[in-house]
Amino acid sequence: MLNLTVPDMSCGHCVKAITAAVKTLDANAVVETDLESKKVSVESTAGADAIKHVLTEAGYPPA
């Protein structure tokens, strides 16, 4: 499981956009978000670099 901090995640729309971005790489990915702590956990067959890249492209770069 990949654990990331996404400082720009601030609302429900952000959560949906982050989940959708990860799902473009792996439709079966499990994405768990904690909006209050700005933490995102991803269980996926996609690699960590690919996940970080797609989040950055979506406007939510992980710290």
Protein backbone atom coordinates (compact mmCIF):
# COMPACT_ATOMS: atom_id res chain seq x y z
CA MET A 1 0.00 0.00 0.00
CA LEU A 2 1.24 3.45 -0.96
CA ASN A 3 0.70 6.19 1.63
CA LEU A 4 0.90 9.80 0.48
CA THR A 5 0.30 13.26 1.85
CA VAL A 6 -1.55 15.54 -0.56
CA PRO A 7 -1.41 19.10 0.87
CA ASP A 8 -3.75 20.57 -1.78
CA MET A 9 -6.62 18.19 -0.93
CA SER A 10 -9.19 20.40 0.78
CA CYS A 11 -12.72 19.27 -0.11
CA GLY A 12 -14.94 16.46 -1.31
CA HIS A 13 -14.35 17.45 -4.94
CA CYS A 14 -10.61 16.99 -4.37
CA VAL A 15 -11.22 13.50 -2.97
CA LYS A 16 -13.29 12.55 -6.03
CA ALA A 17 -10.69 13.97 -8.44
CA ILE A 18 -7.85 12.11 -6.70
CA THR A 19 -9.78 8.84 -6.73
CA ALA A 20 -10.70 9.27 -10.40
CA ALA A 21 -7.09 10.04 -11.33
CA VAL A 22 -5.81 6.87 -9.67
CA LYS A 23 -8.58 4.81 -11.26
CA THR A 24 -7.38 5.90 -14.73
CA LEU A 25 -4.28 3.81 -14.04
CA ASP A 26 -5.96 0.92 -12.28
CA ALA A 27 -9.74 0.63 -12.31
CA ASN A 28 -9.56 -1.85 -9.42
CA ALA A 29 -7.40 0.34 -7.18
CA VAL A 30 -8.53 0.88 -3.61
CA VAL A 31 -8.17 4.56 -2.70
CA GLU A 32 -8.71 5.67 0.89
CA THR A 33 -8.59 9.34 1.78
CA ASP A 34 -8.53 11.23 5.06
CA LEU A 35 -9.44 14.80 4.21
CA GLU A 36 -8.64 16.16 7.67
CA SER A 37 -5.05 14.85 7.69
CA LYS A 38 -4.66 15.17 3.89
CA LYS A 39 -3.55 11.53 3.67
CA VAL A 40 -4.21 9.24 0.71
CA SER A 41 -3.61 5.49 0.76
CA VAL A 42 -3.61 3.58 -2.51
CA GLU A 43 -3.60 -0.17 -3.00
CA SER A 44 -2.96 -0.77 -6.68
CA THR A 45 -1.04 -2.76 -9.26
CA ALA A 46 0.21 0.56 -10.68
CA GLY A 47 3.64 1.67 -9.56
CA ALA A 48 4.24 4.44 -7.04
CA ASP A 49 5.87 6.73 -9.61
CA ALA A 50 2.91 6.37 -11.98
CA ILE A 51 0.45 7.15 -9.18
CA LYS A 52 2.42 10.21 -8.08
CA HIS A 53 2.62 11.39 -11.69
CA VAL A 54 -1.11 11.05 -12.34
CA LEU A 55 -1.93 12.89 -9.11
CA THR A 56 0.44 15.70 -10.05
CA GLU A 57 -1.12 15.91 -13.52
CA ALA A 58 -4.56 16.14 -11.89
CA GLY A 59 -3.38 19.12 -9.83
CA TYR A 60 -2.80 17.30 -6.54
CA PRO A 61 0.95 16.73 -6.22
CA PRO A 62 1.90 14.56 -3.25
CA ALA A 63 4.41 16.02 -0.81
